[in-house]
Amino acid sequence: MWHKLAEHPNELDFGSNNIAAAEINGKKICIGRHQDRYFAFAYKCPHAGGLLSQGFIDALGQVVCPLHRYRFDLKNGRNTSGEGFYLSHWPVEWREEGLFVDLPDERKPGWF
């Protein structure tokens, strides 16, 4: 189900780390910005629950967890530092009406 994040990406509070936190239907997610593209991914690291909004995006387009420096590819959620974890991520589209993220239906169990 597509959800509108903002009329314009400037409405999101991207810090110097290029990550903004967003809330949709009471669920927090992160929005990452890298090379003029936007990515939606889980708010917490799947390893130890570090807040990814406090991490950063490196030059290779990986989100880096602030706790243990685990790295995840923004395009596919794969753990690139070798620990075997997977980061939930969702499609993001820039449309004429604004920036949208496609999240699973929250009525279905396990959507986060």
Protein backbone atom coordinates (compact mmCIF):
# COMPACT_ATOMS: atom_id res chain seq x y z
CA MET A 1 0.00 0.00 0.00
CA TRP A 2 1.49 3.33 -1.06
CA HIS A 3 1.78 6.08 1.56
CA LYS A 4 2.68 9.69 0.96
CA LEU A 5 5.78 10.77 2.89
CA ALA A 6 5.99 14.40 1.82
CA GLU A 7 4.99 16.89 -0.86
CA HIS A 8 8.70 17.50 -1.40
CA PRO A 9 11.79 15.74 0.00
CA ASN A 10 12.86 19.02 1.63
CA GLU A 11 10.01 18.51 4.10
CA LEU A 12 11.86 15.52 5.56
CA ASP A 13 14.45 16.25 8.23
CA PHE A 14 17.59 14.81 6.64
CA GLY A 15 20.58 15.36 8.87
CA SER A 16 24.19 15.43 7.75
CA ASN A 17 23.96 11.61 7.80
CA ASN A 18 21.39 11.71 4.92
CA ILE A 19 18.82 9.77 6.96
CA ALA A 20 15.41 11.02 8.06
CA ALA A 21 12.97 9.29 10.39
CA ALA A 22 9.33 9.09 9.32
CA GLU A 23 6.21 7.68 10.91
CA ILE A 24 3.39 6.00 9.02
CA ASN A 25 0.34 4.72 10.89
CA GLY A 26 2.30 4.72 14.14
CA LYS A 27 5.26 2.76 12.71
CA LYS A 28 8.68 4.38 12.42
CA ILE A 29 10.82 3.89 9.34
CA CYS A 30 13.94 5.54 7.94
CA ILE A 31 14.28 7.35 4.65
CA GLY A 32 17.77 7.47 3.21
CA ARG A 33 19.10 9.80 0.54
CA HIS A 34 22.03 8.79 -1.65
CA GLN A 35 23.04 10.20 -5.05
CA ASP A 36 19.67 11.92 -5.57
CA ARG A 37 17.75 8.70 -4.86
CA TYR A 38 15.55 7.89 -1.88
CA PHE A 39 15.33 4.60 0.02
CA ALA A 40 13.00 3.39 2.78
CA PHE A 41 14.26 0.92 5.36
CA ALA A 42 13.67 -0.33 8.89
CA TYR A 43 14.04 2.08 11.80
CA LYS A 44 16.07 -0.42 13.84
CA CYS A 45 19.04 -2.59 12.93
CA PRO A 46 18.09 -6.29 12.76
CA HIS A 47 21.20 -7.22 14.77
CA ALA A 48 20.88 -5.36 18.08
CA GLY A 49 18.15 -2.78 17.53
CA GLY A 50 20.40 0.24 16.96
CA LEU A 51 18.48 3.25 15.68
CA LEU A 52 19.47 3.51 12.05
CA SER A 53 18.33 7.13 11.96
CA GLN A 54 21.44 7.78 14.09
CA GLY A 55 23.71 5.90 11.69
CA PHE A 56 24.92 7.19 8.34
CA ILE A 57 25.02 6.36 4.64
CA ASP A 58 28.51 5.68 3.33
CA ALA A 59 29.93 6.52 -0.12
CA LEU A 60 28.90 3.08 -1.45
CA GLY A 61 25.21 3.58 -0.63
CA GLN A 62 25.15 1.45 2.50
CA VAL A 63 23.42 2.39 5.73
CA VAL A 64 25.80 1.90 8.66
CA CYS A 65 24.39 1.04 12.10
CA PRO A 66 25.70 3.33 14.86
CA LEU A 67 26.12 0.49 17.39
CA HIS A 68 28.37 -2.09 15.76
CA ARG A 69 28.95 -0.61 12.29
CA TYR A 70 27.04 -3.35 10.49
CA ARG A 71 26.40 -2.27 6.90
CA PHE A 72 23.36 -2.86 4.69
CA ASP A 73 22.90 -2.19 0.98
CA LEU A 74 20.11 0.35 0.53
CA LYS A 75 18.96 -1.24 -2.74
CA ASN A 76 18.36 -4.77 -1.48
CA GLY A 77 18.74 -4.84 2.33
CA ARG A 78 21.64 -7.29 2.23
CA ASN A 79 24.16 -7.18 5.03
CA THR A 80 27.43 -6.25 3.28
CA SER A 81 29.71 -6.52 6.31
CA GLY A 82 29.31 -10.30 6.43
CA GLU A 83 27.20 -11.01 9.51
CA GLY A 84 24.27 -12.51 7.59
CA PHE A 85 21.47 -10.16 8.65
CA TYR A 86 18.84 -8.69 6.34
CA LEU A 87 17.41 -5.18 6.59
CA SER A 88 13.74 -4.69 5.72
CA HIS A 89 13.37 -2.13 2.95
CA TRP A 90 10.55 -0.82 0.77
CA PRO A 91 10.17 0.88 -2.62
CA VAL A 92 10.12 4.67 -2.77
CA GLU A 93 8.78 6.70 -5.69
CA TRP A 94 8.96 10.36 -6.52
CA ARG A 95 5.68 11.34 -8.18
CA GLU A 96 4.18 14.62 -9.26
CA GLU A 97 2.16 14.61 -6.00
CA GLY A 98 5.20 13.98 -3.77
CA LEU A 99 7.40 11.26 -2.29
CA PHE A 100 5.70 7.88 -1.63
CA VAL A 101 6.72 4.62 0.05
CA ASP A 102 5.13 1.23 -0.60
CA LEU A 103 4.65 -0.55 2.74
CA PRO A 104 2.91 -3.90 3.22
CA ASP A 105 -0.65 -3.81 4.48
CA GLU A 106 -0.43 -3.21 8.23
CA ARG A 107 -3.44 -5.45 8.81
CA LYS A 108 -1.33 -8.45 7.85
CA PRO A 109 0.82 -9.84 10.66
CA GLY A 110 4.56 -9.39 10.45
CA TRP A 111 4.60 -6.41 8.12
CA PHE A 112 7.44 -4.93 10.12
